[in-house]
Amino acid sequence: MTKVKAIFFDIDGTLVSFKTHTIPQSTIDAIHEVRKKGIKVFIATGRPMPFIKNLGGLEYDGIMSVNGASAITADGKVITHKPVPKADILRVIEDSKLHPMPIAFASNEKAIVCNIDSAIDRFKEVFELLDIPLPKSSPLTDALEMDVMQMVAFFDKDEEPRIMKEVMKECDANRWHPYFADCIAKGINKATGIDDICAYYGIDITETMAFGDGGNDVAMLQHAGIGVAMGNASDEVKAYADMVTTSVDDNGIANVLNKL
């Protein structure tokens, strides 16, 4: 097997348990050991930076957030920064006059939620799942003052074709939950995020490993040198991985890393 020089980890359902909202100690210990061997560790999440508050004492070398649109080193150096085009935000605002869409806008500094009343139960359920306090609703126009990296849009799968064709024309939708899609600038995903980080550090893609459990992890599981699906992933996601480990709550990450 090619020597692994960099490992990428999704957060929710991979590093962090949906049951405990924490990272298993076995994962923290295993990652500590691989970093001692000189292997770089990166977070690779759909979460925007303001929503990443659950890594505890985990050691890492950088964070790729919003499904690859943003990547920074642990000491704050920017590797990649690809915001949502303003034209799409303007179209969301205009479209909401006829189709009020519940939506969250996130920059690397803050997040706002808009049109929350029309989907309050769904918002509460998702924010509780992610263990994040639900912000107060803001006017859609506030998004125009932000450097938006991601739009978390609450629309059903059958609404997606119209919205992506007519409204978010310059974005792609990544879905890991039936209630919403993470919408970021077109052509970006966790695989392109890995490429950006590998280019920065001079690492070949064959020297990478990635762990994930959701639909938005498929691109990086396919792209990394070794893609590892968690045991709690769906069968569809597992089909794209090179190997399947046990669940996040059954020491899935440690069970692989301890063999490196």
Protein backbone atom coordinates (compact mmCIF):
# COMPACT_ATOMS: atom_id res chain seq x y z
CA MET A 1 0.00 0.00 0.00
CA THR A 2 1.21 3.51 -0.84
CA LYS A 3 2.37 5.39 2.24
CA VAL A 4 -0.43 7.59 3.57
CA LYS A 5 0.67 11.20 4.10
CA ALA A 6 -2.69 12.93 4.67
CA ILE A 7 -6.04 11.80 6.08
CA PHE A 8 -9.35 13.67 5.68
CA PHE A 9 -12.24 13.28 8.13
CA ASP A 10 -15.87 14.28 7.81
CA ILE A 11 -17.35 15.53 11.11
CA ASP A 12 -20.98 14.50 11.59
CA GLY A 13 -21.44 10.75 11.75
CA THR A 14 -17.72 10.20 11.19
CA LEU A 15 -15.67 12.03 13.81
CA VAL A 16 -18.65 13.06 15.92
CA SER A 17 -21.41 10.72 17.05
CA PHE A 18 -25.00 11.78 16.40
CA LYS A 19 -25.84 10.04 19.69
CA THR A 20 -23.35 11.73 22.02
CA HIS A 21 -22.39 14.84 19.97
CA THR A 22 -18.78 14.10 20.93
CA ILE A 23 -15.70 12.48 19.39
CA PRO A 24 -14.93 9.03 20.83
CA GLN A 25 -11.73 8.98 22.90
CA SER A 26 -10.46 6.11 20.74
CA THR A 27 -10.60 8.45 17.72
CA ILE A 28 -8.77 11.27 19.51
CA ASP A 29 -6.03 8.85 20.62
CA ALA A 30 -5.66 7.22 17.19
CA ILE A 31 -5.37 10.57 15.41
CA HIS A 32 -2.79 11.70 17.95
CA GLU A 33 -0.71 8.62 17.12
CA VAL A 34 -0.86 9.04 13.33
CA ARG A 35 0.15 12.69 13.62
CA LYS A 36 3.16 11.62 15.70
CA LYS A 37 4.18 9.55 12.66
CA GLY A 38 4.14 12.68 10.50
CA ILE A 39 0.79 12.04 8.80
CA LYS A 40 -1.21 15.23 8.30
CA VAL A 41 -4.83 15.30 9.48
CA PHE A 42 -7.54 17.49 7.97
CA ILE A 43 -11.19 18.09 8.80
CA ALA A 44 -13.39 17.81 5.68
CA THR A 45 -16.91 18.93 6.48
CA GLY A 46 -20.04 20.41 4.99
CA ARG A 47 -20.34 22.62 8.06
CA PRO A 48 -19.41 26.30 7.70
CA MET A 49 -16.81 27.59 10.15
CA PRO A 50 -19.30 29.18 12.60
CA PHE A 51 -20.90 25.74 13.08
CA ILE A 52 -17.63 23.92 13.87
CA LYS A 53 -17.58 23.95 17.66
CA ASN A 54 -17.52 20.22 18.43
CA LEU A 55 -13.94 19.11 17.81
CA GLY A 56 -12.91 19.23 21.46
CA GLY A 57 -9.25 18.39 21.98
CA LEU A 58 -8.78 16.85 18.54
CA GLU A 59 -5.43 17.61 16.87
CA TYR A 60 -5.44 18.55 13.19
CA ASP A 61 -3.44 20.41 10.55
CA GLY A 62 -6.26 22.23 8.77
CA ILE A 63 -9.98 22.49 8.08
CA MET A 64 -11.72 22.12 4.74
CA SER A 65 -15.23 23.46 5.38
CA VAL A 66 -18.42 24.01 3.36
CA ASN A 67 -17.76 20.91 1.24
CA GLY A 68 -14.48 22.18 -0.18
CA ALA A 69 -15.25 25.85 -0.85
CA SER A 70 -12.98 26.96 1.99
CA ALA A 71 -9.76 25.52 3.39
CA ILE A 72 -7.44 26.97 6.01
CA THR A 73 -4.45 25.65 7.94
CA ALA A 74 -4.64 25.19 11.72
CA ASP A 75 -2.68 28.43 12.12
CA GLY A 76 -5.05 30.39 9.88
CA LYS A 77 -3.36 30.46 6.47
CA VAL A 78 -5.91 30.47 3.63
CA ILE A 79 -5.51 27.58 1.17
CA THR A 80 -8.70 28.12 -0.83
CA HIS A 81 -11.62 30.55 -0.64
CA LYS A 82 -14.46 30.26 -3.18
CA PRO A 83 -17.61 32.15 -2.10
CA VAL A 84 -21.14 31.85 -3.47
CA PRO A 85 -21.68 34.28 -6.39
CA LYS A 86 -23.66 37.38 -5.39
CA ALA A 87 -25.92 36.86 -8.42
CA ASP A 88 -27.31 33.67 -6.87
CA ILE A 89 -28.01 35.44 -3.58
CA LEU A 90 -29.88 38.16 -5.44
CA ARG A 91 -31.94 35.52 -7.26
CA VAL A 92 -32.78 33.81 -3.95
CA ILE A 93 -34.04 37.12 -2.57
CA GLU A 94 -36.15 37.79 -5.69
CA ASP A 95 -37.51 34.24 -5.87
CA SER A 96 -38.52 34.34 -2.21
CA LYS A 97 -41.15 36.98 -3.02
CA LEU A 98 -43.19 34.16 -4.61
CA HIS A 99 -41.56 31.11 -3.00
CA PRO A 100 -40.35 31.96 0.53
CA MET A 101 -37.48 29.54 1.03
CA PRO A 102 -36.25 28.74 4.55
CA ILE A 103 -32.50 29.22 4.26
CA ALA A 104 -29.30 29.84 6.20
CA PHE A 105 -26.38 31.87 4.84
CA ALA A 106 -22.92 31.24 6.25
CA SER A 107 -19.61 33.05 5.88
CA ASN A 108 -16.40 32.01 7.62
CA GLU A 109 -17.27 34.47 10.39
CA LYS A 110 -21.01 34.17 11.01
CA ALA A 111 -24.28 32.53 9.97
CA ILE A 112 -27.82 33.87 9.68
CA VAL A 113 -31.15 32.10 9.14
CA CYS A 114 -34.01 33.55 7.08
CA ASN A 115 -37.68 32.71 6.46
CA ILE A 116 -37.43 30.45 9.47
CA ASP A 117 -41.12 30.55 10.43
CA SER A 118 -42.21 28.54 7.40
CA ALA A 119 -40.09 25.56 8.49
CA ILE A 120 -39.50 26.10 12.20
CA ASP A 121 -39.90 22.43 13.14
CA ARG A 122 -37.40 21.32 10.50
CA PHE A 123 -34.92 24.01 11.51
CA LYS A 124 -35.17 23.00 15.17
CA GLU A 125 -34.75 19.30 14.35
CA VAL A 126 -31.66 19.87 12.20
CA PHE A 127 -29.98 22.31 14.58
CA GLU A 128 -30.59 19.92 17.48
CA LEU A 129 -29.12 17.08 15.41
CA LEU A 130 -26.00 19.20 14.87
CA ASP A 131 -26.02 20.41 18.49
CA ILE A 132 -26.08 24.07 17.38
CA PRO A 133 -28.23 26.83 18.95
CA LEU A 134 -30.84 28.11 16.49
CA PRO A 135 -30.22 31.81 15.70
CA LYS A 136 -33.02 34.36 15.42
CA SER A 137 -34.41 34.95 11.95
CA SER A 138 -32.82 37.72 9.86
CA PRO A 139 -33.92 39.55 6.69
CA LEU A 140 -32.73 37.93 3.47
CA THR A 141 -31.04 41.17 2.40
CA ASP A 142 -28.56 40.81 5.29
CA ALA A 143 -26.86 38.09 3.22
CA LEU A 144 -25.75 40.74 0.71
CA GLU A 145 -23.44 42.20 3.36
CA MET A 146 -21.73 38.82 3.90
CA ASP A 147 -19.01 36.91 2.08
CA VAL A 148 -21.32 33.89 1.76
CA MET A 149 -19.53 30.55 1.50
CA GLN A 150 -22.62 28.35 1.71
CA MET A 151 -26.40 28.53 1.51
CA VAL A 152 -28.13 25.83 3.56
CA ALA A 153 -31.43 25.75 1.69
CA PHE A 154 -34.44 23.91 3.06
CA PHE A 155 -36.17 22.48 0.01
CA ASP A 156 -37.35 18.96 -0.81
CA LYS A 157 -35.75 16.80 -3.46
CA ASP A 158 -38.62 17.36 -5.91
CA GLU A 159 -38.11 21.15 -5.67
CA GLU A 160 -34.40 20.89 -6.39
CA PRO A 161 -34.47 20.89 -10.23
CA ARG A 162 -36.36 24.21 -10.44
CA ILE A 163 -34.33 25.91 -7.76
CA MET A 164 -30.94 24.87 -9.12
CA LYS A 165 -31.91 25.69 -12.72
CA GLU A 166 -33.71 28.98 -12.17
CA VAL A 167 -32.42 30.41 -8.88
CA MET A 168 -29.06 29.03 -7.77
CA LYS A 169 -27.72 28.90 -11.32
CA GLU A 170 -24.07 29.27 -10.33
CA CYS A 171 -24.16 26.77 -7.47
CA ASP A 172 -24.25 23.01 -6.92
CA ALA A 173 -26.35 21.28 -4.27
CA ASN A 174 -24.91 18.70 -1.86
CA ARG A 175 -27.44 16.77 0.19
CA TRP A 176 -26.78 14.59 3.24
CA HIS A 177 -30.17 15.13 4.89
CA PRO A 178 -33.64 14.97 3.30
CA TYR A 179 -34.68 18.39 4.66
CA PHE A 180 -32.03 20.57 3.03
CA ALA A 181 -29.14 20.93 0.61
CA ASP A 182 -25.76 22.59 1.14
CA CYS A 183 -25.40 24.93 -1.84
CA ILE A 184 -21.92 26.17 -2.78
CA ALA A 185 -20.24 27.65 -5.85
CA LYS A 186 -20.49 25.37 -8.89
CA GLY A 187 -17.83 22.73 -9.52
CA ILE A 188 -16.69 22.47 -5.90
CA ASN A 189 -16.93 19.44 -3.60
CA LYS A 190 -14.83 17.63 -1.03
CA ALA A 191 -12.73 16.07 -3.80
CA THR A 192 -11.71 19.48 -5.19
CA GLY A 193 -11.03 20.56 -1.61
CA ILE A 194 -8.66 17.62 -1.17
CA ASP A 195 -6.89 18.60 -4.40
CA ASP A 196 -6.43 22.17 -3.17
CA ILE A 197 -4.92 20.99 0.11
CA CYS A 198 -2.71 18.39 -1.58
CA ALA A 199 -1.39 21.02 -3.99
CA TYR A 200 -0.59 23.34 -1.08
CA TYR A 201 1.39 20.67 0.78
CA GLY A 202 2.84 18.84 -2.24
CA ILE A 203 1.02 15.58 -1.49
CA ASP A 204 -0.06 13.18 -4.23
CA ILE A 205 -3.69 12.07 -4.23
CA THR A 206 -2.55 8.42 -4.04
CA GLU A 207 -1.04 9.24 -0.64
CA THR A 208 -4.38 10.25 0.90
CA MET A 209 -7.10 8.54 2.91
CA ALA A 210 -10.62 9.84 3.60
CA PHE A 211 -13.34 8.86 6.08
CA GLY A 212 -17.01 9.71 5.59
CA ASP A 213 -20.60 8.59 6.03
CA GLY A 214 -22.88 10.93 4.06
CA GLY A 215 -23.87 11.71 0.50
CA ASN A 216 -21.63 14.78 0.44
CA ASP A 217 -18.67 12.49 1.25
CA VAL A 218 -19.02 10.34 -1.87
CA ALA A 219 -16.81 12.58 -4.04
CA MET A 220 -13.87 12.40 -1.62
CA LEU A 221 -14.33 8.69 -0.88
CA GLN A 222 -14.02 8.04 -4.62
CA HIS A 223 -11.17 10.50 -5.11
CA ALA A 224 -8.86 9.75 -2.16
CA GLY A 225 -6.21 7.08 -2.44
CA ILE A 226 -8.18 5.06 0.11
CA GLY A 227 -11.84 5.88 0.80
CA VAL A 228 -13.25 4.54 4.08
CA ALA A 229 -16.99 4.51 4.75
CA MET A 230 -18.24 4.39 8.32
CA GLY A 231 -20.38 1.46 9.38
CA ASN A 232 -23.27 3.86 10.01
CA ALA A 233 -23.18 5.08 6.37
CA SER A 234 -25.94 4.09 3.94
CA ASP A 235 -25.36 1.19 1.58
CA GLU A 236 -25.25 3.69 -1.29
CA VAL A 237 -22.32 5.56 0.29
CA LYS A 238 -20.53 2.34 1.23
CA ALA A 239 -20.64 1.26 -2.41
CA TYR A 240 -18.27 4.11 -3.33
CA ALA A 241 -15.67 3.30 -0.66
CA ASP A 242 -12.59 1.11 -0.87
CA MET A 243 -13.31 -0.28 2.58
CA VAL A 244 -15.98 -0.12 5.26
CA THR A 245 -15.18 0.17 8.96
CA THR A 246 -17.42 -0.04 12.01
CA SER A 247 -19.67 2.84 13.11
CA VAL A 248 -18.52 6.04 14.76
CA ASP A 249 -19.86 4.70 18.07
CA ASP A 250 -17.98 1.40 17.63
CA ASN A 251 -14.48 2.89 17.26
CA GLY A 252 -14.70 2.92 13.47
CA ILE A 253 -11.86 5.37 12.88
CA ALA A 254 -9.49 3.83 15.45
CA ASN A 255 -10.10 0.37 14.03
CA VAL A 256 -8.54 1.55 10.73
CA LEU A 257 -5.90 4.00 11.94
CA ASN A 258 -4.43 1.59 14.48
CA LYS A 259 -3.46 -0.67 11.55
CA LEU A 260 -1.53 2.05 9.71
